[in-house]
C-alpha atoms as a PDB file:
ATOM      1  CA  MET A   1     -10.468  -6.640 -22.867  1.00  0.00           C
ATOM      2  CA  GLY A   2      -8.427  -3.840 -24.331  1.00  0.00           C
ATOM      3  CA  GLU A   3      -5.296  -1.871 -23.592  1.00  0.00           C
ATOM      4  CA  ARG A   4      -4.972   1.523 -21.914  1.00  0.00           C
ATOM      5  CA  LYS A   5      -1.861   3.684 -21.624  1.00  0.00           C
ATOM      6  CA  VAL A   6      -1.705   6.681 -19.287  1.00  0.00           C
ATOM      7  CA  ASN A   7       1.045   8.933 -17.994  1.00  0.00           C
ATOM      8  CA  GLY A   8       1.686  11.065 -14.928  1.00  0.00           C
ATOM      9  CA  ARG A   9      -0.938  13.632 -15.943  1.00  0.00           C
ATOM     10  CA  MET A  10      -3.570  11.274 -14.472  1.00  0.00           C
ATOM     11  CA  LEU A  11      -2.290  12.261 -11.030  1.00  0.00           C
ATOM     12  CA  LEU A  12      -4.019  15.545 -10.295  1.00  0.00           C
ATOM     13  CA  GLY A  13      -3.558  15.309  -6.536  1.00  0.00           C
ATOM     14  CA  LYS A  14      -1.813  13.094  -4.042  1.00  0.00           C
ATOM     15  CA  SER A  15      -3.764   9.976  -5.016  1.00  0.00           C
ATOM     16  CA  ALA A  16      -5.227   8.170  -8.008  1.00  0.00           C
ATOM     17  CA  SER A  17      -6.815   4.837  -8.825  1.00  0.00           C
ATOM     18  CA  SER A  18      -6.766   2.411 -11.719  1.00  0.00           C
ATOM     19  CA  ILE A  19      -9.074  -0.539 -12.407  1.00  0.00           C
ATOM     20  CA  THR A  20      -8.200  -3.118 -15.054  1.00  0.00           C
ATOM     21  CA  LEU A  21     -10.722  -5.838 -15.918  1.00  0.00           C
ATOM     22  CA  MET A  22      -9.578  -8.541 -18.343  1.00  0.00           C
ATOM     23  CA  GLY A  23      -7.230  -6.186 -20.166  1.00  0.00           C
ATOM     24  CA  SER A  24      -3.990  -4.321 -19.673  1.00  0.00           C
ATOM     25  CA  THR A  25      -3.026  -0.908 -18.364  1.00  0.00           C
ATOM     26  CA  VAL A  26       0.362   0.779 -18.599  1.00  0.00           C
ATOM     27  CA  ILE A  27       0.934   3.715 -16.228  1.00  0.00           C
ATOM     28  CA  ASP A  28       4.077   5.676 -17.109  1.00  0.00           C
ATOM     29  CA  LEU A  29       5.199   7.802 -14.144  1.00  0.00           C
ATOM     30  CA  ARG A  30       8.713   8.642 -15.306  1.00  0.00           C
ATOM     31  CA  ASP A  31       7.876  12.306 -15.942  1.00  0.00           C
ATOM     32  CA  ILE A  32       6.484  13.145 -12.488  1.00  0.00           C
ATOM     33  CA  GLU A  33       8.078  14.281  -9.269  1.00  0.00           C
ATOM     34  CA  VAL A  34       6.646  12.754  -6.096  1.00  0.00           C
ATOM     35  CA  PRO A  35       6.003  15.474  -3.492  1.00  0.00           C
ATOM     36  CA  ALA A  36       7.727  15.240  -0.106  1.00  0.00           C
ATOM     37  CA  SER A  37       4.406  14.251   1.473  1.00  0.00           C
ATOM     38  CA  GLY A  38       4.250  11.196  -0.820  1.00  0.00           C
ATOM     39  CA  MET A  39       1.716   9.928  -3.316  1.00  0.00           C
ATOM     40  CA  HIS A  40      -0.700   6.961  -3.371  1.00  0.00           C
ATOM     41  CA  ILE A  41      -2.051   4.893  -6.264  1.00  0.00           C
ATOM     42  CA  GLU A  42      -4.750   2.285  -5.687  1.00  0.00           C
ATOM     43  CA  VAL A  43      -4.652  -0.470  -8.322  1.00  0.00           C
ATOM     44  CA  ILE A  44      -7.212  -3.206  -8.958  1.00  0.00           C
ATOM     45  CA  ALA A  45      -6.337  -5.810 -11.600  1.00  0.00           C
ATOM     46  CA  ILE A  46      -8.981  -8.509 -12.169  1.00  0.00           C
ATOM     47  CA  MET A  47      -7.929 -11.149 -14.683  1.00  0.00           C
ATOM     48  CA  GLY A  48      -5.746  -8.489 -16.305  1.00  0.00           C
ATOM     49  CA  GLU A  49      -2.399  -6.778 -16.063  1.00  0.00           C
ATOM     50  CA  THR A  50      -1.294  -3.380 -14.761  1.00  0.00           C
ATOM     51  CA  ARG A  51       2.295  -2.290 -15.432  1.00  0.00           C
ATOM     52  CA  ILE A  52       3.657   0.782 -13.688  1.00  0.00           C
ATOM     53  CA  ILE A  53       6.826   2.329 -15.116  1.00  0.00           C
ATOM     54  CA  VAL A  54       8.941   4.525 -12.829  1.00  0.00           C
ATOM     55  CA  SER A  55      12.287   6.333 -13.077  1.00  0.00           C
ATOM     56  CA  PRO A  56      15.393   4.876 -11.366  1.00  0.00           C
ATOM     57  CA  ASP A  57      15.419   7.495  -8.609  1.00  0.00           C
ATOM     58  CA  MET A  58      11.766   7.047  -7.578  1.00  0.00           C
ATOM     59  CA  LEU A  59      11.127   5.408  -4.194  1.00  0.00           C
ATOM     60  CA  VAL A  60       8.284   2.869  -4.436  1.00  0.00           C
ATOM     61  CA  HIS A  61       6.484   0.844  -1.780  1.00  0.00           C
ATOM     62  CA  LEU A  62       4.284  -1.900  -3.283  1.00  0.00           C
ATOM     63  CA  SER A  63       1.580  -3.340  -1.046  1.00  0.00           C
ATOM     64  CA  VAL A  64      -0.734  -4.954  -3.591  1.00  0.00           C
ATOM     65  CA  VAL A  65      -2.404  -8.143  -2.357  1.00  0.00           C
ATOM     66  CA  PRO A  66      -2.248 -10.944  -4.953  1.00  0.00           C
ATOM     67  CA  ILE A  67      -5.131 -13.421  -4.875  1.00  0.00           C
ATOM     68  CA  MET A  68      -4.376 -16.185  -7.357  1.00  0.00           C
ATOM     69  CA  GLY A  69      -2.238 -13.584  -9.126  1.00  0.00           C
ATOM     70  CA  GLU A  70       1.059 -11.747  -8.720  1.00  0.00           C
ATOM     71  CA  ALA A  71       2.471  -8.443  -7.503  1.00  0.00           C
ATOM     72  CA  ILE A  72       6.108  -7.751  -8.411  1.00  0.00           C
ATOM     73  CA  SER A  73       8.242  -4.647  -7.897  1.00  0.00           C
ATOM     74  CA  ARG A  74      11.644  -4.030  -9.463  1.00  0.00           C
ATOM     75  CA  ALA A  75      11.819  -0.704  -7.574  1.00  0.00           C
ATOM     76  CA  ASP A  76      11.757  -0.435  -3.830  1.00  0.00           C
ATOM     77  CA  VAL A  77      12.422   1.763  -0.841  1.00  0.00           C
ATOM     78  CA  PRO A  78      15.997   1.347   0.432  1.00  0.00           C
ATOM     79  CA  PHE A  79      16.311   0.028   3.974  1.00  0.00           C
ATOM     80  CA  GLY A  80      16.663   2.797   6.531  1.00  0.00           C
ATOM     81  CA  SER A  81      15.340   5.571   4.295  1.00  0.00           C
ATOM     82  CA  ASN A  82      12.924   8.204   5.550  1.00  0.00           C
ATOM     83  CA  ASN A  83       9.272   8.236   4.511  1.00  0.00           C
ATOM     84  CA  GLN A  84       9.459  11.366   2.389  1.00  0.00           C
ATOM     85  CA  GLY A  85       8.733  11.294  -1.325  1.00  0.00           C
ATOM     86  CA  ILE A  86       7.559   7.681  -1.491  1.00  0.00           C
ATOM     87  CA  LEU A  87       5.112   6.443  -4.107  1.00  0.00           C
ATOM     88  CA  GLU A  88       2.747   4.034  -2.328  1.00  0.00           C
ATOM     89  CA  ILE A  89       1.034   1.500  -4.583  1.00  0.00           C
ATOM     90  CA  GLY A  90      -1.720  -0.560  -2.970  1.00  0.00           C
ATOM     91  CA  GLY A  91      -4.641  -2.620  -4.130  1.00  0.00           C
ATOM     92  CA  VAL A  92      -5.556  -6.114  -5.290  1.00  0.00           C
ATOM     93  CA  ALA A  93      -4.471  -8.421  -8.107  1.00  0.00           C
ATOM     94  CA  LEU A  94      -7.291 -10.965  -8.436  1.00  0.00           C
ATOM     95  CA  MET A  95      -6.194 -13.625 -10.921  1.00  0.00           C
ATOM     96  CA  GLY A  96      -4.173 -10.805 -12.467  1.00  0.00           C
ATOM     97  CA  SER A  97      -0.822  -9.089 -12.297  1.00  0.00           C
ATOM     98  CA  VAL A  98       0.557  -5.779 -11.007  1.00  0.00           C
ATOM     99  CA  SER A  99       4.187  -5.031 -11.762  1.00  0.00           C
ATOM    100  CA  VAL A 100       6.463  -2.049 -11.174  1.00  0.00           C
ATOM    101  CA  ARG A 101       9.369  -1.667 -13.575  1.00  0.00           C
ATOM    102  CA  VAL A 102      12.271   0.781 -13.568  1.00  0.00           C
ATOM    103  CA  VAL A 103      13.022   2.357 -16.929  1.00  0.00           C
ATOM    104  CA  PRO A 104      15.431   5.293 -17.370  1.00  0.00           C
END
């Protein structure tokens, strides 16, 4: 039931995970560069909130499943783009919220 703030240093490889239980997590990814092979973050938000902050030029594909919750992305992959350098965000929002916001 607290708050956690992390930045791109949490991503040591091509994937990472975050679990939020009745609290909030802010993941700031503005200072990272997604490799051409892509990157994956698995997010689980149970009765809590996970906010992911990305830069305007980052390509994001959100596939979080909301169950009595919400999953919202303000960043997205443009139609017709290739699959290189995409940040994939998957997981579950169970009575919680996962949001992706673009901040310069």
